[in-house]
Structures are given as structure tokens and as C-alpha cells.
Amino acid sequence: MEEKMNPKFIAGDKVEVRNEDDGFRGSWYEATIYRSMPRVRRYTITYTTLLSDDNTQPLRETVDWNNVRPRPTPVIVSDAFKVGCEVEAYCNDGWWIGKVKDVVKSSDDGVGYRVWFPESKEEIEFRREEVREHLDWIAGVWRKSSINEKNEEIDDDDDGGGGGDSATKLSVGQQVEVSSEEEGLIGAWYTARLLEEDVGGKYLVEYRNIRTDDEKYFLRETVDSFHIRPSPPPGQSTTFKALEEVDALFQDGWWVGIIISTQEEEEDQNYYLVYFKQTNEVIKFSPSELRFHHEWIHGKWIQTSKVFFNCNTH
């Protein structure tokens, strides 16, 4: 299974290498394969933009095979990325994953973007040429980001009239899901019950599976409106296909992942191997621990698991 997740690169191949060090986690740097070591699944690479400690030559190091991918094929964007689009921005010699917070004018009167980076909680402005569409290299295929085309379709529907208010009113006592921006928890959603709404648009919630430090009570917390959503619609299928996007129940939360393959085990029970790009892990789940991934966009649930989306406007 692992062999399918990474091509066999040879010396001279142009690649990108992921850095997992603290402060750099998730960033990608251009490099060239210097030596391939297939038996230990490692590569010695030479970076294009990073230098050795004495700054006299390009940095060379040996990395695990699963931190190496081809360089994405350049894509010509006809216009601009939309607000909320997942992109990669070129900063400090590498490509960093973030989301477009705003479209602005750059210093040369061209198009620019203000990009939010959830990992570092920073917001930085970039010129158009410093931003590219975010892609994931999974099972030998470039997979596009999974929100924006559906977002555009909803905008079109709303323009046609008859659409409701994009902000859905939550009710006290309602079961909801809550996200976190704490390191190691970004991307997960946790089931909770809405206790009360504050005047400032914040909500008091009580988690269903997370307890206080002394384990006596379920944890209560006040969260911002953009960290809370209704519970997704119940799943109608226990069968999933390779490359479908799912939510997996893991460590008390729902984490977004991608089906890599199916395994049939005892009592003819199917299990699924799920890849998590945030942690670069593959974990086995039973069907009862999975659900199709949905995005809460403009007050509507949109299933994204069956579509490869395009992030560009048209």
C-alpha cells in the first residue's frame, strides 16, 4: 500500500520536500533528488533555495520518502482566487498552506491576496505571483482543494433568488460541532451541546466526549461563531471508495481524511485505510467510524467527497 503513495524518484528529478520541524510544519521547499535509497525509503536531496549553515552551498540532507512529492505543474489562472480558497503562498523560501482572507491591490497595482495561516495564526499580504492553488499529492494523483467550486455554485443559486439567509440560527440545546485552533487539533470537529448564546456572537457549549482535567464534568467552553456549526446530516452509506473524502472519528473528534484502500478482515468486515494530510498518517477505520465529508457553506451542507474541485474563478 505504501508504495502506491509515492513515486520512485531518481537522481536529478525536480521535487518538493515537506518540512515537519516546529515552526515550519507543512511547508514545502523546492529541491532536486541527489540519491535514491529505495531499500530504506529515503532520499538525499539538494534544496534549491535553502543554504548550508555557512551559506556557501545549497543545503543537502536525507529525508523520508513520504515527505517528497513532484513539483506541481504550473497552472495559469485566468483571474483571481476567491476569498476562502485554500492556496499555497511563497514565503521564506518555501510554499506555505493558507486560506485567502481578502483580495487586495498589490504594491504594483495588480491583484494581491491577504492569506491566513491557521498553523501560525498569521495573516500576510502577497502579490499574485506569490500565490498558487493548493494541491495534495495522494496515491500518485494531484488532488485539488475541496471547497471553492461548490461555494461558487451556492453563490450562483443565491443570486437566482429564493435563497435564505446564509447565517443559520442555532438553538439552545441543539447538538453542534466545534472546531479548535490549538496546535495538534486544527482541522478536527468535536460534538457538543449549545448551552447559550452571548450578545457578542459567541456561544457557550458543553462537549459530549471531552471532560475537565479532573474528569468529573464534561468540558464547557465559550467559542466564536466561526468555530461552531450544526451537526452534519446522518450518513446513508457504509461503503466508501478510494480517494473519497471522509471524516474519521479519532481521539474524540472528526478528522478530515481520504480513503486510500479497503481491507477485508475477520467476519467479512470491511476496513478502510485513511490518509490524513495534516499529520501524514495512514490509519485503519471500520465503517462505523467514518462518514462522508461535508462542508458547511453559506448555511448549507455540501458533500465534497465525490468531486475534485477547482479553486479558480471563471
C-alpha atoms as a PDB file:
ATOM      1  CA  MET A   1       0.000   0.000   0.000  1.00  0.00           C
ATOM      2  CA  GLU A   2       2.713   2.477   0.894  1.00  0.00           C
ATOM      3  CA  GLU A   3       4.464   2.036  -2.452  1.00  0.00           C
ATOM      4  CA  LYS A   4       1.362   3.438  -4.161  1.00  0.00           C
ATOM      5  CA  MET A   5       1.557   6.638  -2.160  1.00  0.00           C
ATOM      6  CA  ASN A   6       4.861   7.834  -3.531  1.00  0.00           C
ATOM      7  CA  PRO A   7       6.571   7.560  -6.916  1.00  0.00           C
ATOM      8  CA  LYS A   8      10.106   6.218  -7.195  1.00  0.00           C
ATOM      9  CA  PHE A   9      12.185   9.313  -7.835  1.00  0.00           C
ATOM     10  CA  ILE A  10      15.640   9.061  -9.357  1.00  0.00           C
ATOM     11  CA  ALA A  11      18.693  11.306  -9.227  1.00  0.00           C
ATOM     12  CA  GLY A  12      18.055  14.597 -10.994  1.00  0.00           C
ATOM     13  CA  ASP A  13      14.280  14.653 -10.506  1.00  0.00           C
ATOM     14  CA  LYS A  14      12.841  18.034  -9.540  1.00  0.00           C
ATOM     15  CA  VAL A  15      10.745  17.679  -6.386  1.00  0.00           C
ATOM     16  CA  GLU A  16       9.357  19.469  -3.351  1.00  0.00           C
ATOM     17  CA  VAL A  17      10.198  18.432   0.208  1.00  0.00           C
ATOM     18  CA  ARG A  18       7.982  18.892   3.248  1.00  0.00           C
ATOM     19  CA  ASN A  19       9.470  20.279   6.458  1.00  0.00           C
ATOM     20  CA  GLU A  20       7.974  18.945   9.713  1.00  0.00           C
ATOM     21  CA  ASP A  21      10.193  20.869  12.144  1.00  0.00           C
ATOM     22  CA  ASP A  22       8.493  23.106  14.710  1.00  0.00           C
ATOM     23  CA  GLY A  23       7.677  26.443  13.144  1.00  0.00           C
ATOM     24  CA  PHE A  24       7.942  25.033   9.616  1.00  0.00           C
ATOM     25  CA  ARG A  25       5.370  22.211   9.762  1.00  0.00           C
ATOM     26  CA  GLY A  26       3.553  21.708   6.466  1.00  0.00           C
ATOM     27  CA  SER A  27       5.741  23.977   4.329  1.00  0.00           C
ATOM     28  CA  TRP A  28       7.224  22.727   1.049  1.00  0.00           C
ATOM     29  CA  TYR A  29      10.642  23.562  -0.436  1.00  0.00           C
ATOM     30  CA  GLU A  30      11.928  23.026  -3.962  1.00  0.00           C
ATOM     31  CA  ALA A  31      14.762  20.527  -4.287  1.00  0.00           C
ATOM     32  CA  THR A  32      16.477  18.044  -6.609  1.00  0.00           C
ATOM     33  CA  ILE A  33      16.972  14.334  -5.924  1.00  0.00           C
ATOM     34  CA  TYR A  34      20.671  13.689  -5.319  1.00  0.00           C
ATOM     35  CA  ARG A  35      20.432   9.997  -4.419  1.00  0.00           C
ATOM     36  CA  SER A  36      17.604   7.464  -4.101  1.00  0.00           C
ATOM     37  CA  MET A  37      17.688   4.807  -1.348  1.00  0.00           C
ATOM     38  CA  PRO A  38      14.626   2.612  -2.045  1.00  0.00           C
ATOM     39  CA  ARG A  39      15.502  -0.110   0.470  1.00  0.00           C
ATOM     40  CA  VAL A  40      15.204   2.311   3.384  1.00  0.00           C
ATOM     41  CA  ARG A  41      12.649   4.522   1.605  1.00  0.00           C
ATOM     42  CA  ARG A  42      14.703   7.660   1.851  1.00  0.00           C
ATOM     43  CA  TYR A  43      16.155  10.261  -0.494  1.00  0.00           C
ATOM     44  CA  THR A  44      19.157  12.515  -0.289  1.00  0.00           C
ATOM     45  CA  ILE A  45      18.068  15.844  -1.736  1.00  0.00           C
ATOM     46  CA  THR A  46      19.652  19.183  -2.561  1.00  0.00           C
ATOM     47  CA  TYR A  47      17.491  22.215  -1.824  1.00  0.00           C
ATOM     48  CA  THR A  48      17.091  24.932  -4.440  1.00  0.00           C
ATOM     49  CA  THR A  49      16.636  27.889  -2.085  1.00  0.00           C
ATOM     50  CA  LEU A  50      17.983  26.723   1.299  1.00  0.00           C
ATOM     51  CA  LEU A  51      21.700  27.045   2.070  1.00  0.00           C
ATOM     52  CA  SER A  52      24.080  25.175   4.362  1.00  0.00           C
ATOM     53  CA  ASP A  53      24.906  26.618   7.795  1.00  0.00           C
ATOM     54  CA  ASP A  54      27.914  28.516   6.422  1.00  0.00           C
ATOM     55  CA  ASN A  55      25.856  29.843   3.468  1.00  0.00           C
ATOM     56  CA  THR A  56      28.460  28.626   0.969  1.00  0.00           C
ATOM     57  CA  GLN A  57      26.427  25.975  -0.871  1.00  0.00           C
ATOM     58  CA  PRO A  58      22.885  24.591  -1.269  1.00  0.00           C
ATOM     59  CA  LEU A  59      21.711  22.582   1.735  1.00  0.00           C
ATOM     60  CA  ARG A  60      21.758  18.818   1.257  1.00  0.00           C
ATOM     61  CA  GLU A  61      20.027  16.352   3.578  1.00  0.00           C
ATOM     62  CA  THR A  62      18.417  12.908   3.683  1.00  0.00           C
ATOM     63  CA  VAL A  63      14.637  12.768   4.137  1.00  0.00           C
ATOM     64  CA  ASP A  64      11.899  10.138   4.404  1.00  0.00           C
ATOM     65  CA  TRP A  65      10.225   9.166   1.139  1.00  0.00           C
ATOM     66  CA  ASN A  66       6.768  10.289   2.331  1.00  0.00           C
ATOM     67  CA  ASN A  67       7.989  13.881   2.685  1.00  0.00           C
ATOM     68  CA  VAL A  68       8.827  14.112  -1.023  1.00  0.00           C
ATOM     69  CA  ARG A  69       6.474  14.838  -3.911  1.00  0.00           C
ATOM     70  CA  PRO A  70       6.814  16.028  -7.537  1.00  0.00           C
ATOM     71  CA  ARG A  71       6.714  19.738  -8.190  1.00  0.00           C
ATOM     72  CA  PRO A  72       3.151  20.758  -9.076  1.00  0.00           C
ATOM     73  CA  THR A  73       2.532  21.550 -12.719  1.00  0.00           C
ATOM     74  CA  PRO A  74       2.243  25.334 -13.106  1.00  0.00           C
ATOM     75  CA  VAL A  75      -1.378  26.391 -13.613  1.00  0.00           C
ATOM     76  CA  ILE A  76      -2.294  29.594 -15.445  1.00  0.00           C
ATOM     77  CA  VAL A  77      -5.022  31.371 -13.501  1.00  0.00           C
ATOM     78  CA  SER A  78      -7.349  33.423 -15.683  1.00  0.00           C
ATOM     79  CA  ASP A  79      -8.419  35.836 -12.982  1.00  0.00           C
ATOM     80  CA  ALA A  80      -8.153  35.611  -9.200  1.00  0.00           C
ATOM     81  CA  PHE A  81      -8.572  33.242  -6.285  1.00  0.00           C
ATOM     82  CA  LYS A  82     -11.755  33.649  -4.288  1.00  0.00           C
ATOM     83  CA  VAL A  83     -11.976  34.545  -0.625  1.00  0.00           C
ATOM     84  CA  GLY A  84     -11.837  31.311   1.379  1.00  0.00           C
ATOM     85  CA  CYS A  85      -9.866  29.443  -1.273  1.00  0.00           C
ATOM     86  CA  GLU A  86      -7.128  27.158   0.019  1.00  0.00           C
ATOM     87  CA  VAL A  87      -3.814  28.229  -1.503  1.00  0.00           C
ATOM     88  CA  GLU A  88      -0.056  27.949  -1.070  1.00  0.00           C
ATOM     89  CA  ALA A  89       1.867  31.193  -0.607  1.00  0.00           C
ATOM     90  CA  TYR A  90       5.596  31.632  -1.219  1.00  0.00           C
ATOM     91  CA  CYS A  91       7.232  32.919   1.960  1.00  0.00           C
ATOM     92  CA  ASN A  92      10.706  32.486   3.495  1.00  0.00           C
ATOM     93  CA  ASP A  93      11.917  30.347   0.558  1.00  0.00           C
ATOM     94  CA  GLY A  94       9.059  27.839   0.778  1.00  0.00           C
ATOM     95  CA  TRP A  95       5.384  27.267  -0.031  1.00  0.00           C
ATOM     96  CA  TRP A  96       3.013  27.520   2.953  1.00  0.00           C
ATOM     97  CA  ILE A  97      -0.637  26.373   3.056  1.00  0.00           C
ATOM     98  CA  GLY A  98      -3.224  29.007   3.948  1.00  0.00           C
ATOM     99  CA  LYS A  99      -6.608  30.446   3.006  1.00  0.00           C
ATOM    100  CA  VAL A 100      -7.386  33.629   1.107  1.00  0.00           C
ATOM    101  CA  LYS A 101      -8.823  36.098   3.609  1.00  0.00           C
ATOM    102  CA  ASP A 102      -9.202  39.017   1.209  1.00  0.00           C
ATOM    103  CA  VAL A 103      -8.422  40.100  -2.364  1.00  0.00           C
ATOM    104  CA  VAL A 104      -6.475  43.374  -2.400  1.00  0.00           C
ATOM    105  CA  LYS A 105      -4.428  45.598  -4.690  1.00  0.00           C
ATOM    106  CA  SER A 106      -0.738  44.773  -4.623  1.00  0.00           C
ATOM    107  CA  SER A 107       2.042  47.359  -4.434  1.00  0.00           C
ATOM    108  CA  ASP A 108       2.321  47.392  -8.246  1.00  0.00           C
ATOM    109  CA  ASP A 109      -1.460  47.988  -8.646  1.00  0.00           C
ATOM    110  CA  GLY A 110      -2.017  44.358  -9.589  1.00  0.00           C
ATOM    111  CA  VAL A 111      -4.056  41.712  -7.768  1.00  0.00           C
ATOM    112  CA  GLY A 112      -2.846  40.693  -4.331  1.00  0.00           C
ATOM    113  CA  TYR A 113      -4.110  38.463  -1.531  1.00  0.00           C
ATOM    114  CA  ARG A 114      -4.261  38.588   2.218  1.00  0.00           C
ATOM    115  CA  VAL A 115      -3.660  34.984   3.321  1.00  0.00           C
ATOM    116  CA  TRP A 116      -4.446  33.476   6.721  1.00  0.00           C
ATOM    117  CA  PHE A 117      -2.171  30.696   8.027  1.00  0.00           C
ATOM    118  CA  PRO A 118      -4.011  28.640  10.701  1.00  0.00           C
ATOM    119  CA  GLU A 119      -0.852  26.834  11.828  1.00  0.00           C
ATOM    120  CA  SER A 120       0.943  30.049  12.845  1.00  0.00           C
ATOM    121  CA  LYS A 121      -2.215  32.190  13.242  1.00  0.00           C
ATOM    122  CA  GLU A 122      -0.685  34.861  10.981  1.00  0.00           C
ATOM    123  CA  GLU A 123      -2.204  36.976   8.213  1.00  0.00           C
ATOM    124  CA  ILE A 124       0.189  38.150   5.466  1.00  0.00           C
ATOM    125  CA  GLU A 125      -0.315  40.019   2.178  1.00  0.00           C
ATOM    126  CA  PHE A 126       1.120  38.563  -1.067  1.00  0.00           C
ATOM    127  CA  ARG A 127       1.371  39.538  -4.733  1.00  0.00           C
ATOM    128  CA  ARG A 128      -0.480  37.374  -7.269  1.00  0.00           C
ATOM    129  CA  GLU A 129       2.675  35.604  -8.466  1.00  0.00           C
ATOM    130  CA  GLU A 130       3.480  34.548  -4.894  1.00  0.00           C
ATOM    131  CA  VAL A 131       0.287  32.509  -4.557  1.00  0.00           C
ATOM    132  CA  ARG A 132      -0.689  29.232  -6.206  1.00  0.00           C
ATOM    133  CA  GLU A 133      -3.558  26.781  -5.862  1.00  0.00           C
ATOM    134  CA  HIS A 134      -3.162  24.244  -3.065  1.00  0.00           C
ATOM    135  CA  LEU A 135      -2.877  20.653  -4.313  1.00  0.00           C
ATOM    136  CA  ASP A 136      -2.371  17.348  -2.482  1.00  0.00           C
ATOM    137  CA  TRP A 137      -0.261  14.526  -3.925  1.00  0.00           C
ATOM    138  CA  ILE A 138      -2.194  11.373  -2.984  1.00  0.00           C
ATOM    139  CA  ALA A 139      -1.745   7.874  -4.415  1.00  0.00           C
ATOM    140  CA  GLY A 140       0.180   9.274  -7.381  1.00  0.00           C
ATOM    141  CA  VAL A 141      -2.521  11.809  -8.263  1.00  0.00           C
ATOM    142  CA  TRP A 142      -2.712  15.573  -7.784  1.00  0.00           C
ATOM    143  CA  ARG A 143      -5.923  16.266  -5.882  1.00  0.00           C
ATOM    144  CA  LYS A 144      -7.406  19.756  -5.837  1.00  0.00           C
ATOM    145  CA  SER A 145      -8.720  21.604  -2.807  1.00  0.00           C
ATOM    146  CA  SER A 146     -12.230  20.655  -1.819  1.00  0.00           C
ATOM    147  CA  ILE A 147     -14.376  23.724  -1.105  1.00  0.00           C
ATOM    148  CA  ASN A 148     -14.393  26.537  -3.621  1.00  0.00           C
ATOM    149  CA  GLU A 149     -16.268  25.341  -6.692  1.00  0.00           C
ATOM    150  CA  LYS A 150     -19.228  24.311  -4.566  1.00  0.00           C
ATOM    151  CA  ASN A 151     -19.015  27.673  -2.845  1.00  0.00           C
ATOM    152  CA  GLU A 152     -19.293  29.335  -6.249  1.00  0.00           C
ATOM    153  CA  GLU A 153     -22.292  27.186  -7.161  1.00  0.00           C
ATOM    154  CA  ILE A 154     -24.046  28.280  -3.988  1.00  0.00           C
ATOM    155  CA  ASP A 155     -23.327  31.934  -4.811  1.00  0.00           C
ATOM    156  CA  ASP A 156     -24.962  31.384  -8.204  1.00  0.00           C
ATOM    157  CA  ASP A 157     -28.013  29.781  -6.581  1.00  0.00           C
ATOM    158  CA  ASP A 158     -28.391  32.648  -4.132  1.00  0.00           C
ATOM    159  CA  ASP A 159     -28.139  35.216  -6.950  1.00  0.00           C
ATOM    160  CA  GLY A 160     -31.073  33.497  -8.605  1.00  0.00           C
ATOM    161  CA  GLY A 161     -33.387  34.444  -5.753  1.00  0.00           C
ATOM    162  CA  GLY A 162     -35.179  32.347  -3.210  1.00  0.00           C
ATOM    163  CA  GLY A 163     -32.076  31.696  -1.172  1.00  0.00           C
ATOM    164  CA  GLY A 164     -32.281  32.096   2.561  1.00  0.00           C
ATOM    165  CA  ASP A 165     -30.028  33.876   4.981  1.00  0.00           C
ATOM    166  CA  SER A 166     -26.565  32.314   4.912  1.00  0.00           C
ATOM    167  CA  ALA A 167     -26.341  32.559   8.686  1.00  0.00           C
ATOM    168  CA  THR A 168     -28.320  29.725  10.290  1.00  0.00           C
ATOM    169  CA  LYS A 169     -29.838  30.398  13.703  1.00  0.00           C
ATOM    170  CA  LEU A 170     -28.631  27.909  16.300  1.00  0.00           C
ATOM    171  CA  SER A 171     -30.918  26.959  19.172  1.00  0.00           C
ATOM    172  CA  VAL A 172     -30.080  26.425  22.825  1.00  0.00           C
ATOM    173  CA  GLY A 173     -29.910  22.685  23.495  1.00  0.00           C
ATOM    174  CA  GLN A 174     -29.054  21.879  19.878  1.00  0.00           C
ATOM    175  CA  GLN A 175     -26.287  19.374  19.116  1.00  0.00           C
ATOM    176  CA  VAL A 176     -23.459  21.116  17.273  1.00  0.00           C
ATOM    177  CA  GLU A 177     -19.836  20.592  16.297  1.00  0.00           C
ATOM    178  CA  VAL A 178     -16.972  22.804  17.425  1.00  0.00           C
ATOM    179  CA  SER A 179     -13.505  23.263  15.889  1.00  0.00           C
ATOM    180  CA  SER A 180     -10.254  24.296  17.557  1.00  0.00           C
ATOM    181  CA  GLU A 181      -7.186  26.316  16.569  1.00  0.00           C
ATOM    182  CA  GLU A 182      -4.958  24.710  19.193  1.00  0.00           C
ATOM    183  CA  GLU A 183      -1.787  23.118  17.853  1.00  0.00           C
ATOM    184  CA  GLY A 184      -2.380  19.458  17.074  1.00  0.00           C
ATOM    185  CA  LEU A 185      -6.166  19.884  16.937  1.00  0.00           C
ATOM    186  CA  ILE A 186      -6.550  22.083  13.842  1.00  0.00           C
ATOM    187  CA  GLY A 187      -8.990  20.548  11.373  1.00  0.00           C
ATOM    188  CA  ALA A 188     -10.917  18.393  13.860  1.00  0.00           C
ATOM    189  CA  TRP A 189     -14.568  18.905  14.855  1.00  0.00           C
ATOM    190  CA  TYR A 190     -15.913  17.887  18.267  1.00  0.00           C
ATOM    191  CA  THR A 191     -19.531  17.102  19.144  1.00  0.00           C
ATOM    192  CA  ALA A 192     -21.064  19.430  21.727  1.00  0.00           C
ATOM    193  CA  ARG A 193     -24.363  20.833  23.013  1.00  0.00           C
ATOM    194  CA  LEU A 194     -25.189  24.529  22.729  1.00  0.00           C
ATOM    195  CA  LEU A 195     -25.935  25.949  26.187  1.00  0.00           C
ATOM    196  CA  GLU A 196     -26.337  29.669  25.494  1.00  0.00           C
ATOM    197  CA  GLU A 197     -25.526  32.443  23.021  1.00  0.00           C
ATOM    198  CA  ASP A 198     -23.743  35.595  24.124  1.00  0.00           C
ATOM    199  CA  VAL A 199     -24.616  39.036  22.768  1.00  0.00           C
ATOM    200  CA  GLY A 200     -21.236  39.322  21.037  1.00  0.00           C
ATOM    201  CA  GLY A 201     -21.825  36.347  18.755  1.00  0.00           C
ATOM    202  CA  LYS A 202     -20.049  33.853  20.993  1.00  0.00           C
ATOM    203  CA  TYR A 203     -21.512  30.574  22.206  1.00  0.00           C
ATOM    204  CA  LEU A 204     -21.218  28.574  25.418  1.00  0.00           C
ATOM    205  CA  VAL A 205     -21.000  24.855  24.613  1.00  0.00           C
ATOM    206  CA  GLU A 206     -20.616  21.628  26.560  1.00  0.00           C
ATOM    207  CA  TYR A 207     -18.592  18.903  24.835  1.00  0.00           C
ATOM    208  CA  ARG A 208     -20.040  15.416  24.646  1.00  0.00           C
ATOM    209  CA  ASN A 209     -16.759  13.476  24.777  1.00  0.00           C
ATOM    210  CA  ILE A 210     -14.241  15.885  26.327  1.00  0.00           C
ATOM    211  CA  ARG A 211     -14.018  16.199  30.117  1.00  0.00           C
ATOM    212  CA  THR A 212     -12.424  18.650  32.524  1.00  0.00           C
ATOM    213  CA  ASP A 213      -8.895  17.981  33.764  1.00  0.00           C
ATOM    214  CA  ASP A 214     -10.213  16.226  36.885  1.00  0.00           C
ATOM    215  CA  GLU A 215     -12.521  14.046  34.710  1.00  0.00           C
ATOM    216  CA  LYS A 216     -15.544  14.996  36.857  1.00  0.00           C
ATOM    217  CA  TYR A 217     -17.536  17.006  34.325  1.00  0.00           C
ATOM    218  CA  PHE A 218     -17.929  17.471  30.600  1.00  0.00           C
ATOM    219  CA  LEU A 219     -15.848  20.450  29.478  1.00  0.00           C
ATOM    220  CA  ARG A 220     -17.658  23.748  28.902  1.00  0.00           C
ATOM    221  CA  GLU A 221     -16.142  26.438  26.719  1.00  0.00           C
ATOM    222  CA  THR A 222     -17.035  29.736  25.043  1.00  0.00           C
ATOM    223  CA  VAL A 223     -16.311  29.705  21.295  1.00  0.00           C
ATOM    224  CA  ASP A 224     -16.542  32.186  18.409  1.00  0.00           C
ATOM    225  CA  SER A 225     -19.281  31.817  15.808  1.00  0.00           C
ATOM    226  CA  PHE A 226     -16.851  30.718  13.092  1.00  0.00           C
ATOM    227  CA  HIS A 227     -15.800  27.750  15.255  1.00  0.00           C
ATOM    228  CA  ILE A 228     -19.305  26.313  15.564  1.00  0.00           C
ATOM    229  CA  ARG A 229     -21.682  24.633  13.108  1.00  0.00           C
ATOM    230  CA  PRO A 230     -24.745  22.338  13.202  1.00  0.00           C
ATOM    231  CA  SER A 231     -24.158  18.596  13.202  1.00  0.00           C
ATOM    232  CA  PRO A 232     -23.833  17.226   9.635  1.00  0.00           C
ATOM    233  CA  PRO A 233     -26.697  15.166   8.176  1.00  0.00           C
ATOM    234  CA  PRO A 234     -26.614  11.469   9.158  1.00  0.00           C
ATOM    235  CA  GLY A 235     -24.724   9.192   6.792  1.00  0.00           C
ATOM    236  CA  GLN A 236     -26.674   6.962   4.439  1.00  0.00           C
ATOM    237  CA  SER A 237     -23.872   4.625   3.377  1.00  0.00           C
ATOM    238  CA  THR A 238     -21.239   2.429   4.976  1.00  0.00           C
ATOM    239  CA  THR A 239     -19.407   1.834   1.698  1.00  0.00           C
ATOM    240  CA  PHE A 240     -16.632   4.153   0.573  1.00  0.00           C
ATOM    241  CA  LYS A 241     -14.386   4.283  -2.484  1.00  0.00           C
ATOM    242  CA  ALA A 242     -10.709   5.076  -2.930  1.00  0.00           C
ATOM    243  CA  LEU A 243      -9.910   8.822  -2.960  1.00  0.00           C
ATOM    244  CA  GLU A 244     -13.262   9.765  -1.429  1.00  0.00           C
ATOM    245  CA  GLU A 245     -13.010  12.432   1.237  1.00  0.00           C
ATOM    246  CA  VAL A 246     -14.359  11.358   4.626  1.00  0.00           C
ATOM    247  CA  ASP A 247     -14.496  12.360   8.277  1.00  0.00           C
ATOM    248  CA  ALA A 248     -12.971   9.779  10.625  1.00  0.00           C
ATOM    249  CA  LEU A 249     -13.791   9.522  14.338  1.00  0.00           C
ATOM    250  CA  PHE A 250     -10.432   9.613  16.109  1.00  0.00           C
ATOM    251  CA  GLN A 251      -9.460  10.760  19.608  1.00  0.00           C
ATOM    252  CA  ASP A 252     -12.985  12.058  20.322  1.00  0.00           C
ATOM    253  CA  GLY A 253     -13.154  14.244  17.204  1.00  0.00           C
ATOM    254  CA  TRP A 254     -13.968  14.065  13.498  1.00  0.00           C
ATOM    255  CA  TRP A 255     -10.882  14.490  11.302  1.00  0.00           C
ATOM    256  CA  VAL A 256     -10.875  15.034   7.526  1.00  0.00           C
ATOM    257  CA  GLY A 257      -9.059  12.312   5.598  1.00  0.00           C
ATOM    258  CA  ILE A 258      -9.012  10.492   2.273  1.00  0.00           C
ATOM    259  CA  ILE A 259      -9.748   6.814   1.635  1.00  0.00           C
ATOM    260  CA  ILE A 260      -6.619   5.089   0.351  1.00  0.00           C
ATOM    261  CA  SER A 261      -7.805   1.473   0.134  1.00  0.00           C
ATOM    262  CA  THR A 262     -10.184  -1.144   1.523  1.00  0.00           C
ATOM    263  CA  GLN A 263      -9.189  -4.204   3.550  1.00  0.00           C
ATOM    264  CA  GLU A 264     -11.434  -7.212   4.230  1.00  0.00           C
ATOM    265  CA  GLU A 265     -10.789  -8.813   7.599  1.00  0.00           C
ATOM    266  CA  GLU A 266     -12.461 -11.109  10.137  1.00  0.00           C
ATOM    267  CA  GLU A 267     -16.176 -11.921   9.748  1.00  0.00           C
ATOM    268  CA  ASP A 268     -16.138 -10.360   6.271  1.00  0.00           C
ATOM    269  CA  GLN A 269     -15.963  -6.899   7.835  1.00  0.00           C
ATOM    270  CA  ASN A 270     -14.503  -4.220   5.581  1.00  0.00           C
ATOM    271  CA  TYR A 271     -11.991  -1.779   6.999  1.00  0.00           C
ATOM    272  CA  TYR A 272     -10.658   1.348   5.353  1.00  0.00           C
ATOM    273  CA  LEU A 273      -7.196   2.865   5.317  1.00  0.00           C
ATOM    274  CA  VAL A 274      -7.495   6.641   5.653  1.00  0.00           C
ATOM    275  CA  TYR A 275      -4.745   9.155   4.899  1.00  0.00           C
ATOM    276  CA  PHE A 276      -4.540  12.374   6.939  1.00  0.00           C
ATOM    277  CA  LYS A 277      -2.567  15.113   5.211  1.00  0.00           C
ATOM    278  CA  GLN A 278      -2.261  17.215   8.389  1.00  0.00           C
ATOM    279  CA  THR A 279      -0.178  14.538  10.131  1.00  0.00           C
ATOM    280  CA  ASN A 280       0.907  12.487   7.086  1.00  0.00           C
ATOM    281  CA  GLU A 281      -0.500   9.346   8.743  1.00  0.00           C
ATOM    282  CA  VAL A 282      -2.452   6.341   7.469  1.00  0.00           C
ATOM    283  CA  ILE A 283      -4.864   4.776   9.997  1.00  0.00           C
ATOM    284  CA  LYS A 284      -7.349   1.891   9.748  1.00  0.00           C
ATOM    285  CA  PHE A 285     -11.055   2.506  10.497  1.00  0.00           C
ATOM    286  CA  SER A 286     -14.256   0.475  10.498  1.00  0.00           C
ATOM    287  CA  PRO A 287     -17.241   1.818   8.500  1.00  0.00           C
ATOM    288  CA  SER A 288     -18.993   2.881  11.720  1.00  0.00           C
ATOM    289  CA  GLU A 289     -16.114   5.276  12.426  1.00  0.00           C
ATOM    290  CA  LEU A 290     -16.436   7.050   9.060  1.00  0.00           C
ATOM    291  CA  ARG A 291     -18.837   9.439   7.400  1.00  0.00           C
ATOM    292  CA  PHE A 292     -18.814  11.320   4.102  1.00  0.00           C
ATOM    293  CA  HIS A 293     -17.122  14.698   4.437  1.00  0.00           C
ATOM    294  CA  HIS A 294     -19.388  17.744   4.208  1.00  0.00           C
ATOM    295  CA  GLU A 295     -18.583  21.450   4.228  1.00  0.00           C
ATOM    296  CA  TRP A 296     -20.863  23.994   5.926  1.00  0.00           C
ATOM    297  CA  ILE A 297     -21.034  26.768   3.304  1.00  0.00           C
ATOM    298  CA  HIS A 298     -23.487  29.690   3.309  1.00  0.00           C
ATOM    299  CA  GLY A 299     -25.807  27.872   5.708  1.00  0.00           C
ATOM    300  CA  LYS A 300     -25.922  24.690   3.613  1.00  0.00           C
ATOM    301  CA  TRP A 301     -24.298  21.276   3.915  1.00  0.00           C
ATOM    302  CA  ILE A 302     -22.320  20.406   0.771  1.00  0.00           C
ATOM    303  CA  GLN A 303     -20.916  16.904   0.315  1.00  0.00           C
ATOM    304  CA  THR A 304     -17.406  17.272  -1.119  1.00  0.00           C
ATOM    305  CA  SER A 305     -16.353  13.640  -1.095  1.00  0.00           C
ATOM    306  CA  LYS A 306     -17.324  12.850  -4.683  1.00  0.00           C
ATOM    307  CA  VAL A 307     -15.823  15.808  -6.508  1.00  0.00           C
ATOM    308  CA  PHE A 308     -12.405  17.188  -7.373  1.00  0.00           C
ATOM    309  CA  PHE A 309     -12.815  20.937  -7.153  1.00  0.00           C
ATOM    310  CA  ASN A 310     -11.226  23.845  -8.909  1.00  0.00           C
ATOM    311  CA  CYS A 311     -10.156  26.777  -6.775  1.00  0.00           C
ATOM    312  CA  ASN A 312     -10.025  29.389  -9.548  1.00  0.00           C
ATOM    313  CA  THR A 313     -12.737  31.804 -10.511  1.00  0.00           C
ATOM    314  CA  HIS A 314     -14.104  31.697 -14.047  1.00  0.00           C
END
